Amino acid sequence: MSGRLQGKVALITGAARGIGRAQAVRFAQEGADIVALDVCGPVETVIIPPSSPADLDQTAALVTEAGTRAHIEIVDVRDLAGVQAATDRGVERFGGLDVVCATAGITSRGAALELDEDAWRTMLEVNLTGVWHTCRAGAPHLIARGGGAMVLTNSIAGLRGLVGVAHYAAAKHGVVGLMRSLANELAPHNVRVNCVHPTNVDTPMIQNDAVRCAFRPDLNRAPTRTEFAEAARNMNMLAVPWIDAVDVANAALFLASDEARYITAATLPIDAGATQL
C-alpha cells in the first residue's frame, strides 16, 4: 500500500458490510482514519436480512488491523440530526474530515405501477434523501479543511432504467442530479463530488432469495448461487455475473485520492460493460 490517503479522515455510511465495509478497509489500508456509520438494523419494506452491530464492530476491527483508527456509530441516514451529530463526533475525535462516501442504501422490488407507496417513499428517503443528509453533514467539515472529496455510491440503475426497480432507479438517477449540483456548488471550496456506478456486487444486497428469484422467475424455488450467476452474467458485457465490493472500493479510493484531483461531476461505471448493452 502506498499511503494514498495518509493522514486523512473518511466518513463512510453503510459501513457495516458490503461496499461500505470494503471502502472502510481499503481506505484504512491507504492510511485514512474512518468514521463508520450504519443503521445496523431492519428498514421497513426491506426483506433482505439487515446488518447488525456485530457487523459494524467487525468493520472497526478490520480498520484497526489495517493500522488506522475507527469511530463507529449506529445511525439511520434518514435522520439528519443523527447523521450530523455522529459526523461531528467523529470529526472532533480525529481532528477533521477529508472524504465523504455516501454508501448506505437499500433495495426492494416491484413493478412501477404496482409498487406499494411505503416502498416508494422508503426507497427515496434512504437512497436519495439519505445521501443528501450525508453530504450536508460532511460538507462543512470538508470546507473547513480547505477541500476534499465526496464519492456517492450509485448503481448502473442511476444511468439506465431497469425492470422491477423503478423506485430504486428513480432514487439513483436523483443522486446523479444531486452530485452534479453539489459539484458546482462546492467547486469554489475545492471539494470534488463524483458518483461510482457498479453493476451487481457480490454482497448481501444481491445474494439473497428475493433478488435471485427475480433473475430466475422460471424456477419454482430460489435459485442456487450457481444458477443465479448464470442468469446474472447476461447483464454484463464482460463474462462475469457480478463484481466484488473491493472493485467499487478501489474506484472510490481513486476518486478520493489526489490522483483524481481534477475530476469532479463524473459518473464512473464499474459495470463490466453493463451500461453499454
C-alpha atoms as a PDB file:
ATOM      1  CA  MET A   1       0.000   0.000   0.000  1.00  0.00           C
ATOM      2  CA  SER A   2       1.268   3.435  -0.928  1.00  0.00           C
ATOM      3  CA  GLY A   3      -0.447   5.667   1.641  1.00  0.00           C
ATOM      4  CA  ARG A   4      -2.668   7.439  -0.866  1.00  0.00           C
ATOM      5  CA  LEU A   5      -4.894   8.714   1.967  1.00  0.00           C
ATOM      6  CA  GLN A   6      -2.210   9.024   4.630  1.00  0.00           C
ATOM      7  CA  GLY A   7      -3.245  11.383   7.409  1.00  0.00           C
ATOM      8  CA  LYS A   8      -6.777  11.817   6.068  1.00  0.00           C
ATOM      9  CA  VAL A   9     -10.159  11.083   7.595  1.00  0.00           C
ATOM     10  CA  ALA A  10     -13.061   9.483   5.724  1.00  0.00           C
ATOM     11  CA  LEU A  11     -16.748   9.367   6.636  1.00  0.00           C
ATOM     12  CA  ILE A  12     -18.479   6.253   5.261  1.00  0.00           C
ATOM     13  CA  THR A  13     -22.152   5.373   5.628  1.00  0.00           C
ATOM     14  CA  GLY A  14     -23.398   1.828   5.205  1.00  0.00           C
ATOM     15  CA  ALA A  15     -20.056   0.744   6.622  1.00  0.00           C
ATOM     16  CA  ALA A  16     -21.136  -2.397   8.476  1.00  0.00           C
ATOM     17  CA  ARG A  17     -20.779  -4.691   5.462  1.00  0.00           C
ATOM     18  CA  GLY A  18     -20.674  -4.853   1.682  1.00  0.00           C
ATOM     19  CA  ILE A  19     -19.336  -1.908  -0.295  1.00  0.00           C
ATOM     20  CA  GLY A  20     -19.203   0.357   2.751  1.00  0.00           C
ATOM     21  CA  ARG A  21     -17.026  -2.081   4.666  1.00  0.00           C
ATOM     22  CA  ALA A  22     -14.790  -2.588   1.627  1.00  0.00           C
ATOM     23  CA  GLN A  23     -14.333   1.180   1.356  1.00  0.00           C
ATOM     24  CA  ALA A  24     -13.521   1.465   5.062  1.00  0.00           C
ATOM     25  CA  VAL A  25     -10.906  -1.287   4.908  1.00  0.00           C
ATOM     26  CA  ARG A  26      -9.398  -0.158   1.614  1.00  0.00           C
ATOM     27  CA  PHE A  27      -9.159   3.467   2.755  1.00  0.00           C
ATOM     28  CA  ALA A  28      -7.612   2.364   6.044  1.00  0.00           C
ATOM     29  CA  GLN A  29      -5.029   0.340   4.151  1.00  0.00           C
ATOM     30  CA  GLU A  30      -4.078   3.586   2.442  1.00  0.00           C
ATOM     31  CA  GLY A  31      -3.727   5.484   5.716  1.00  0.00           C
ATOM     32  CA  ALA A  32      -7.141   7.012   6.465  1.00  0.00           C
ATOM     33  CA  ASP A  33      -8.915   7.068   9.807  1.00  0.00           C
ATOM     34  CA  ILE A  34     -12.556   6.042   9.365  1.00  0.00           C
ATOM     35  CA  VAL A  35     -15.822   7.423  10.701  1.00  0.00           C
ATOM     36  CA  ALA A  36     -18.095   4.430  10.039  1.00  0.00           C
ATOM     37  CA  LEU A  37     -21.874   4.780  10.267  1.00  0.00           C
ATOM     38  CA  ASP A  38     -24.606   2.206   9.716  1.00  0.00           C
ATOM     39  CA  VAL A  39     -28.218   1.632  10.747  1.00  0.00           C
ATOM     40  CA  CYS A  40     -27.373  -1.913  11.931  1.00  0.00           C
ATOM     41  CA  GLY A  41     -30.988  -2.987  11.910  1.00  0.00           C
ATOM     42  CA  PRO A  42     -34.068  -3.533   9.769  1.00  0.00           C
ATOM     43  CA  VAL A  43     -35.603  -0.951   7.456  1.00  0.00           C
ATOM     44  CA  GLU A  44     -39.309  -1.157   6.743  1.00  0.00           C
ATOM     45  CA  THR A  45     -40.291  -2.569   3.307  1.00  0.00           C
ATOM     46  CA  VAL A  46     -36.889  -4.297   3.002  1.00  0.00           C
ATOM     47  CA  ILE A  47     -36.917  -8.093   3.315  1.00  0.00           C
ATOM     48  CA  ILE A  48     -33.154  -8.625   2.966  1.00  0.00           C
ATOM     49  CA  PRO A  49     -31.580  -9.552   6.319  1.00  0.00           C
ATOM     50  CA  PRO A  50     -30.150  -6.359   7.835  1.00  0.00           C
ATOM     51  CA  SER A  51     -26.659  -5.592   9.058  1.00  0.00           C
ATOM     52  CA  SER A  52     -26.036  -5.854  12.783  1.00  0.00           C
ATOM     53  CA  PRO A  53     -23.957  -4.073  15.439  1.00  0.00           C
ATOM     54  CA  ALA A  54     -21.596  -7.057  15.299  1.00  0.00           C
ATOM     55  CA  ASP A  55     -21.059  -6.367  11.588  1.00  0.00           C
ATOM     56  CA  LEU A  56     -20.084  -2.772  12.341  1.00  0.00           C
ATOM     57  CA  ASP A  57     -17.784  -3.948  15.113  1.00  0.00           C
ATOM     58  CA  GLN A  58     -16.117  -6.265  12.614  1.00  0.00           C
ATOM     59  CA  THR A  59     -15.566  -3.365  10.219  1.00  0.00           C
ATOM     60  CA  ALA A  60     -13.901  -1.432  13.033  1.00  0.00           C
ATOM     61  CA  ALA A  61     -11.694  -4.428  13.820  1.00  0.00           C
ATOM     62  CA  LEU A  62     -10.618  -4.682  10.173  1.00  0.00           C
ATOM     63  CA  VAL A  63      -9.803  -0.965  10.058  1.00  0.00           C
ATOM     64  CA  THR A  64      -7.712  -1.295  13.217  1.00  0.00           C
ATOM     65  CA  GLU A  65      -5.990  -4.352  11.766  1.00  0.00           C
ATOM     66  CA  ALA A  66      -5.083  -2.241   8.739  1.00  0.00           C
ATOM     67  CA  GLY A  67      -3.290   0.183  11.044  1.00  0.00           C
ATOM     68  CA  THR A  68      -5.644   3.149  11.464  1.00  0.00           C
ATOM     69  CA  ARG A  69      -8.475   4.201  13.764  1.00  0.00           C
ATOM     70  CA  ALA A  70     -12.232   3.698  13.515  1.00  0.00           C
ATOM     71  CA  HIS A  71     -15.029   5.734  15.056  1.00  0.00           C
ATOM     72  CA  ILE A  72     -18.283   3.771  14.732  1.00  0.00           C
ATOM     73  CA  GLU A  73     -21.849   4.856  15.400  1.00  0.00           C
ATOM     74  CA  ILE A  74     -25.263   3.367  14.740  1.00  0.00           C
ATOM     75  CA  VAL A  75     -27.437   5.886  12.904  1.00  0.00           C
ATOM     76  CA  ASP A  76     -30.151   5.919  10.246  1.00  0.00           C
ATOM     77  CA  VAL A  77     -29.245   8.136   7.269  1.00  0.00           C
ATOM     78  CA  ARG A  78     -32.870   9.296   7.172  1.00  0.00           C
ATOM     79  CA  ASP A  79     -32.187  11.111  10.458  1.00  0.00           C
ATOM     80  CA  LEU A  80     -30.372  14.318   9.515  1.00  0.00           C
ATOM     81  CA  ALA A  81     -29.764  15.384  13.102  1.00  0.00           C
ATOM     82  CA  GLY A  82     -28.421  11.942  13.955  1.00  0.00           C
ATOM     83  CA  VAL A  83     -26.089  11.827  10.958  1.00  0.00           C
ATOM     84  CA  GLN A  84     -24.861  15.335  11.709  1.00  0.00           C
ATOM     85  CA  ALA A  85     -24.193  14.560  15.361  1.00  0.00           C
ATOM     86  CA  ALA A  86     -22.380  11.303  14.598  1.00  0.00           C
ATOM     87  CA  THR A  87     -20.295  13.007  11.925  1.00  0.00           C
ATOM     88  CA  ASP A  88     -19.413  15.876  14.233  1.00  0.00           C
ATOM     89  CA  ARG A  89     -18.309  13.474  16.968  1.00  0.00           C
ATOM     90  CA  GLY A  90     -16.079  11.575  14.561  1.00  0.00           C
ATOM     91  CA  VAL A  91     -14.558  14.783  13.239  1.00  0.00           C
ATOM     92  CA  GLU A  92     -13.939  16.041  16.765  1.00  0.00           C
ATOM     93  CA  ARG A  93     -12.157  12.787  17.623  1.00  0.00           C
ATOM     94  CA  PHE A  94      -9.941  12.721  14.538  1.00  0.00           C
ATOM     95  CA  GLY A  95      -9.452  16.451  14.017  1.00  0.00           C
ATOM     96  CA  GLY A  96     -11.044  16.980  10.618  1.00  0.00           C
ATOM     97  CA  LEU A  97     -12.631  15.383   7.568  1.00  0.00           C
ATOM     98  CA  ASP A  98     -11.285  14.915   4.040  1.00  0.00           C
ATOM     99  CA  VAL A  99     -13.515  12.351   2.330  1.00  0.00           C
ATOM    100  CA  VAL A 100     -17.238  11.574   2.398  1.00  0.00           C
ATOM    101  CA  CYS A 101     -18.545   8.281   0.998  1.00  0.00           C
ATOM    102  CA  ALA A 102     -22.340   8.173   0.909  1.00  0.00           C
ATOM    103  CA  THR A 103     -22.788   4.423   0.539  1.00  0.00           C
ATOM    104  CA  ALA A 104     -25.751   3.434   2.728  1.00  0.00           C
ATOM    105  CA  GLY A 105     -28.594   2.076   0.636  1.00  0.00           C
ATOM    106  CA  ILE A 106     -31.433  -0.423   0.405  1.00  0.00           C
ATOM    107  CA  THR A 107     -33.106  -2.476  -2.296  1.00  0.00           C
ATOM    108  CA  SER A 108     -36.581  -3.868  -2.850  1.00  0.00           C
ATOM    109  CA  ARG A 109     -38.538  -4.934  -5.895  1.00  0.00           C
ATOM    110  CA  GLY A 110     -41.879  -4.298  -7.563  1.00  0.00           C
ATOM    111  CA  ALA A 111     -43.358  -3.266 -10.899  1.00  0.00           C
ATOM    112  CA  ALA A 112     -43.528   0.513 -11.266  1.00  0.00           C
ATOM    113  CA  LEU A 113     -47.329   0.649 -11.383  1.00  0.00           C
ATOM    114  CA  GLU A 114     -47.780  -1.863  -8.594  1.00  0.00           C
ATOM    115  CA  LEU A 115     -45.311  -0.576  -6.001  1.00  0.00           C
ATOM    116  CA  ASP A 116     -46.595  -0.044  -2.514  1.00  0.00           C
ATOM    117  CA  GLU A 117     -46.476   3.655  -1.609  1.00  0.00           C
ATOM    118  CA  ASP A 118     -44.454   2.896   1.518  1.00  0.00           C
ATOM    119  CA  ALA A 119     -41.870   1.021  -0.556  1.00  0.00           C
ATOM    120  CA  TRP A 120     -41.550   4.007  -2.896  1.00  0.00           C
ATOM    121  CA  ARG A 121     -41.258   6.506  -0.087  1.00  0.00           C
ATOM    122  CA  THR A 122     -38.771   4.472   1.945  1.00  0.00           C
ATOM    123  CA  MET A 123     -36.566   3.921  -1.095  1.00  0.00           C
ATOM    124  CA  LEU A 124     -36.297   7.626  -1.838  1.00  0.00           C
ATOM    125  CA  GLU A 125     -35.831   8.532   1.831  1.00  0.00           C
ATOM    126  CA  VAL A 126     -32.870   6.170   2.221  1.00  0.00           C
ATOM    127  CA  ASN A 127     -31.254   6.114  -1.212  1.00  0.00           C
ATOM    128  CA  LEU A 128     -31.668   9.776  -2.132  1.00  0.00           C
ATOM    129  CA  THR A 129     -32.517  11.860   0.925  1.00  0.00           C
ATOM    130  CA  GLY A 130     -30.056   9.834   2.995  1.00  0.00           C
ATOM    131  CA  VAL A 131     -27.302  10.715   0.536  1.00  0.00           C
ATOM    132  CA  TRP A 132     -28.205  14.388   0.784  1.00  0.00           C
ATOM    133  CA  HIS A 133     -28.143  14.160   4.588  1.00  0.00           C
ATOM    134  CA  THR A 134     -24.681  12.592   4.470  1.00  0.00           C
ATOM    135  CA  CYS A 135     -23.350  15.260   2.123  1.00  0.00           C
ATOM    136  CA  ARG A 136     -24.929  18.039   4.143  1.00  0.00           C
ATOM    137  CA  ALA A 137     -23.390  16.701   7.350  1.00  0.00           C
ATOM    138  CA  GLY A 138     -19.933  16.299   5.848  1.00  0.00           C
ATOM    139  CA  ALA A 139     -19.646  19.325   3.576  1.00  0.00           C
ATOM    140  CA  PRO A 140     -18.941  21.976   6.245  1.00  0.00           C
ATOM    141  CA  HIS A 141     -16.074  19.892   7.574  1.00  0.00           C
ATOM    142  CA  LEU A 142     -14.572  19.456   4.094  1.00  0.00           C
ATOM    143  CA  ILE A 143     -14.849  23.195   3.533  1.00  0.00           C
ATOM    144  CA  ALA A 144     -13.202  23.880   6.882  1.00  0.00           C
ATOM    145  CA  ARG A 145     -10.374  21.552   5.831  1.00  0.00           C
ATOM    146  CA  GLY A 146      -9.802  23.609   2.683  1.00  0.00           C
ATOM    147  CA  GLY A 147     -11.058  20.953   0.283  1.00  0.00           C
ATOM    148  CA  GLY A 148     -11.808  17.284  -0.082  1.00  0.00           C
ATOM    149  CA  ALA A 149     -13.804  14.710  -1.980  1.00  0.00           C
ATOM    150  CA  MET A 150     -17.280  13.239  -1.918  1.00  0.00           C
ATOM    151  CA  VAL A 151     -17.933   9.866  -3.535  1.00  0.00           C
ATOM    152  CA  LEU A 152     -21.591   8.914  -3.882  1.00  0.00           C
ATOM    153  CA  THR A 153     -22.125   5.183  -4.301  1.00  0.00           C
ATOM    154  CA  ASN A 154     -24.647   4.846  -7.093  1.00  0.00           C
ATOM    155  CA  SER A 155     -25.572   1.975  -9.443  1.00  0.00           C
ATOM    156  CA  ILE A 156     -25.997   1.191 -13.094  1.00  0.00           C
ATOM    157  CA  ALA A 157     -29.634   1.996 -12.244  1.00  0.00           C
ATOM    158  CA  GLY A 158     -28.512   5.614 -11.999  1.00  0.00           C
ATOM    159  CA  LEU A 159     -27.574   5.534 -15.686  1.00  0.00           C
ATOM    160  CA  ARG A 160     -30.261   3.315 -17.211  1.00  0.00           C
ATOM    161  CA  GLY A 161     -33.734   2.011 -16.456  1.00  0.00           C
ATOM    162  CA  LEU A 162     -34.129  -1.476 -15.027  1.00  0.00           C
ATOM    163  CA  VAL A 163     -37.240  -3.634 -14.846  1.00  0.00           C
ATOM    164  CA  GLY A 164     -38.795  -4.159 -11.437  1.00  0.00           C
ATOM    165  CA  VAL A 165     -36.896  -1.457  -9.567  1.00  0.00           C
ATOM    166  CA  ALA A 166     -38.344   1.840 -10.815  1.00  0.00           C
ATOM    167  CA  HIS A 167     -38.192   3.355  -7.328  1.00  0.00           C
ATOM    168  CA  TYR A 168     -34.558   2.329  -6.979  1.00  0.00           C
ATOM    169  CA  ALA A 169     -33.695   3.725 -10.431  1.00  0.00           C
ATOM    170  CA  ALA A 170     -35.527   6.965  -9.674  1.00  0.00           C
ATOM    171  CA  ALA A 171     -33.562   7.423  -6.450  1.00  0.00           C
ATOM    172  CA  LYS A 172     -30.255   6.605  -8.123  1.00  0.00           C
ATOM    173  CA  HIS A 173     -30.936   8.963 -11.039  1.00  0.00           C
ATOM    174  CA  GLY A 174     -31.727  11.594  -8.407  1.00  0.00           C
ATOM    175  CA  VAL A 175     -28.330  11.017  -6.814  1.00  0.00           C
ATOM    176  CA  VAL A 176     -26.689  11.887 -10.145  1.00  0.00           C
ATOM    177  CA  GLY A 177     -28.533  15.196 -10.197  1.00  0.00           C
ATOM    178  CA  LEU A 178     -27.592  15.865  -6.604  1.00  0.00           C
ATOM    179  CA  MET A 179     -23.952  15.045  -7.357  1.00  0.00           C
ATOM    180  CA  ARG A 180     -23.793  17.391 -10.325  1.00  0.00           C
ATOM    181  CA  SER A 181     -25.343  20.257  -8.380  1.00  0.00           C
ATOM    182  CA  LEU A 182     -23.075  19.700  -5.391  1.00  0.00           C
ATOM    183  CA  ALA A 183     -20.046  19.568  -7.680  1.00  0.00           C
ATOM    184  CA  ASN A 184     -20.935  23.025  -8.959  1.00  0.00           C
ATOM    185  CA  GLU A 185     -21.739  24.475  -5.546  1.00  0.00           C
ATOM    186  CA  LEU A 186     -18.686  23.068  -3.778  1.00  0.00           C
ATOM    187  CA  ALA A 187     -16.081  23.627  -6.504  1.00  0.00           C
ATOM    188  CA  PRO A 188     -15.212  27.099  -5.142  1.00  0.00           C
ATOM    189  CA  HIS A 189     -14.276  25.362  -1.876  1.00  0.00           C
ATOM    190  CA  ASN A 190     -12.009  22.830  -3.635  1.00  0.00           C
ATOM    191  CA  VAL A 191     -14.417  19.991  -2.878  1.00  0.00           C
ATOM    192  CA  ARG A 192     -14.882  17.443  -5.645  1.00  0.00           C
ATOM    193  CA  VAL A 193     -18.078  15.362  -5.961  1.00  0.00           C
ATOM    194  CA  ASN A 194     -18.427  12.220  -8.083  1.00  0.00           C
ATOM    195  CA  CYS A 195     -20.516   9.058  -8.416  1.00  0.00           C
ATOM    196  CA  VAL A 196     -19.456   5.433  -8.857  1.00  0.00           C
ATOM    197  CA  HIS A 197     -21.888   3.160 -10.698  1.00  0.00           C
ATOM    198  CA  PRO A 198     -21.384  -0.559 -10.102  1.00  0.00           C
ATOM    199  CA  THR A 199     -23.188  -3.424 -11.753  1.00  0.00           C
ATOM    200  CA  ASN A 200     -24.306  -6.219  -9.408  1.00  0.00           C
ATOM    201  CA  VAL A 201     -21.878  -6.553  -6.498  1.00  0.00           C
ATOM    202  CA  ASP A 202     -21.299  -9.774  -4.580  1.00  0.00           C
ATOM    203  CA  THR A 203     -22.781  -8.559  -1.294  1.00  0.00           C
ATOM    204  CA  PRO A 204     -25.859  -9.420   0.792  1.00  0.00           C
ATOM    205  CA  MET A 205     -27.830  -6.838  -1.217  1.00  0.00           C
ATOM    206  CA  ILE A 206     -27.966  -9.224  -4.183  1.00  0.00           C
ATOM    207  CA  GLN A 207     -27.062 -12.550  -2.612  1.00  0.00           C
ATOM    208  CA  ASN A 208     -30.499 -13.263  -1.219  1.00  0.00           C
ATOM    209  CA  ASP A 209     -33.562 -15.147  -2.347  1.00  0.00           C
ATOM    210  CA  ALA A 210     -35.578 -12.042  -3.281  1.00  0.00           C
ATOM    211  CA  VAL A 211     -33.053 -10.832  -5.849  1.00  0.00           C
ATOM    212  CA  ARG A 212     -32.093 -14.308  -7.046  1.00  0.00           C
ATOM    213  CA  CYS A 213     -35.727 -15.187  -7.773  1.00  0.00           C
ATOM    214  CA  ALA A 214     -36.130 -12.040  -9.874  1.00  0.00           C
ATOM    215  CA  PHE A 215     -33.344 -13.297 -12.149  1.00  0.00           C
ATOM    216  CA  ARG A 216     -34.839 -16.796 -12.472  1.00  0.00           C
ATOM    217  CA  PRO A 217     -38.641 -16.433 -12.469  1.00  0.00           C
ATOM    218  CA  ASP A 218     -38.844 -19.702 -14.422  1.00  0.00           C
ATOM    219  CA  LEU A 219     -37.955 -21.672 -11.306  1.00  0.00           C
ATOM    220  CA  ASN A 220     -40.447 -22.543  -8.608  1.00  0.00           C
ATOM    221  CA  ARG A 221     -37.802 -22.111  -5.933  1.00  0.00           C
ATOM    222  CA  ALA A 222     -34.950 -19.827  -5.011  1.00  0.00           C
ATOM    223  CA  PRO A 223     -32.039 -20.283  -7.440  1.00  0.00           C
ATOM    224  CA  THR A 224     -28.726 -21.572  -6.213  1.00  0.00           C
ATOM    225  CA  ARG A 225     -25.720 -19.254  -6.332  1.00  0.00           C
ATOM    226  CA  THR A 226     -24.568 -21.021  -9.497  1.00  0.00           C
ATOM    227  CA  GLU A 227     -27.964 -20.695 -11.184  1.00  0.00           C
ATOM    228  CA  PHE A 228     -28.101 -17.041 -10.201  1.00  0.00           C
ATOM    229  CA  ALA A 229     -24.617 -16.474 -11.610  1.00  0.00           C
ATOM    230  CA  GLU A 230     -25.593 -17.981 -14.960  1.00  0.00           C
ATOM    231  CA  ALA A 231     -28.548 -15.599 -15.262  1.00  0.00           C
ATOM    232  CA  ALA A 232     -26.755 -12.535 -13.905  1.00  0.00           C
ATOM    233  CA  ARG A 233     -23.876 -12.974 -16.359  1.00  0.00           C
ATOM    234  CA  ASN A 234     -26.211 -11.842 -19.150  1.00  0.00           C
ATOM    235  CA  MET A 235     -26.339  -8.337 -17.663  1.00  0.00           C
ATOM    236  CA  ASN A 236     -22.672  -7.649 -18.310  1.00  0.00           C
ATOM    237  CA  MET A 237     -20.506  -7.281 -21.382  1.00  0.00           C
ATOM    238  CA  LEU A 238     -17.603  -9.000 -19.647  1.00  0.00           C
ATOM    239  CA  ALA A 239     -18.141 -12.651 -18.783  1.00  0.00           C
ATOM    240  CA  VAL A 240     -18.762 -12.150 -15.063  1.00  0.00           C
ATOM    241  CA  PRO A 241     -22.051 -12.320 -13.132  1.00  0.00           C
ATOM    242  CA  TRP A 242     -21.055  -9.663 -10.631  1.00  0.00           C
ATOM    243  CA  ILE A 243     -18.073  -7.741  -9.317  1.00  0.00           C
ATOM    244  CA  ASP A 244     -16.549  -7.702  -5.827  1.00  0.00           C
ATOM    245  CA  ALA A 245     -17.052  -4.962  -3.257  1.00  0.00           C
ATOM    246  CA  VAL A 246     -13.340  -4.170  -3.348  1.00  0.00           C
ATOM    247  CA  ASP A 247     -13.675  -3.252  -7.045  1.00  0.00           C
ATOM    248  CA  VAL A 248     -16.051  -0.457  -6.076  1.00  0.00           C
ATOM    249  CA  ALA A 249     -13.848   0.498  -3.123  1.00  0.00           C
ATOM    250  CA  ASN A 250     -10.821   0.801  -5.405  1.00  0.00           C
ATOM    251  CA  ALA A 251     -12.721   3.149  -7.730  1.00  0.00           C
ATOM    252  CA  ALA A 252     -13.869   5.224  -4.760  1.00  0.00           C
ATOM    253  CA  LEU A 253     -10.295   5.301  -3.466  1.00  0.00           C
ATOM    254  CA  PHE A 254      -9.084   6.691  -6.788  1.00  0.00           C
ATOM    255  CA  LEU A 255     -11.733   9.422  -6.759  1.00  0.00           C
ATOM    256  CA  ALA A 256     -10.973  10.258  -3.130  1.00  0.00           C
ATOM    257  CA  SER A 257      -7.220  10.470  -3.703  1.00  0.00           C
ATOM    258  CA  ASP A 258      -5.089  13.220  -5.170  1.00  0.00           C
ATOM    259  CA  GLU A 259      -4.758  11.097  -8.298  1.00  0.00           C
ATOM    260  CA  ALA A 260      -8.233  12.390  -9.179  1.00  0.00           C
ATOM    261  CA  ARG A 261      -7.567  15.968  -8.061  1.00  0.00           C
ATOM    262  CA  TYR A 262      -9.142  17.472 -11.196  1.00  0.00           C
ATOM    263  CA  ILE A 263     -12.038  15.038 -11.566  1.00  0.00           C
ATOM    264  CA  THR A 264     -15.444  16.275 -10.440  1.00  0.00           C
ATOM    265  CA  ALA A 265     -19.075  15.816 -11.537  1.00  0.00           C
ATOM    266  CA  ALA A 266     -18.156  12.452 -13.093  1.00  0.00           C
ATOM    267  CA  THR A 267     -20.220   9.276 -13.311  1.00  0.00           C
ATOM    268  CA  LEU A 268     -17.724   6.421 -13.191  1.00  0.00           C
ATOM    269  CA  PRO A 269     -19.092   2.998 -14.164  1.00  0.00           C
ATOM    270  CA  ILE A 270     -17.587  -0.107 -12.577  1.00  0.00           C
ATOM    271  CA  ASP A 271     -20.050  -2.171 -14.504  1.00  0.00           C
ATOM    272  CA  ALA A 272     -18.300  -4.859 -16.591  1.00  0.00           C
ATOM    273  CA  GLY A 273     -19.858  -3.084 -19.575  1.00  0.00           C
ATOM    274  CA  ALA A 274     -23.453  -3.384 -18.342  1.00  0.00           C
ATOM    275  CA  THR A 275     -24.445   0.177 -19.249  1.00  0.00           C
ATOM    276  CA  GLN A 276     -23.329  -0.384 -22.867  1.00  0.00           C
ATOM    277  CA  LEU A 277     -25.607  -3.351 -23.535  1.00  0.00           C
END
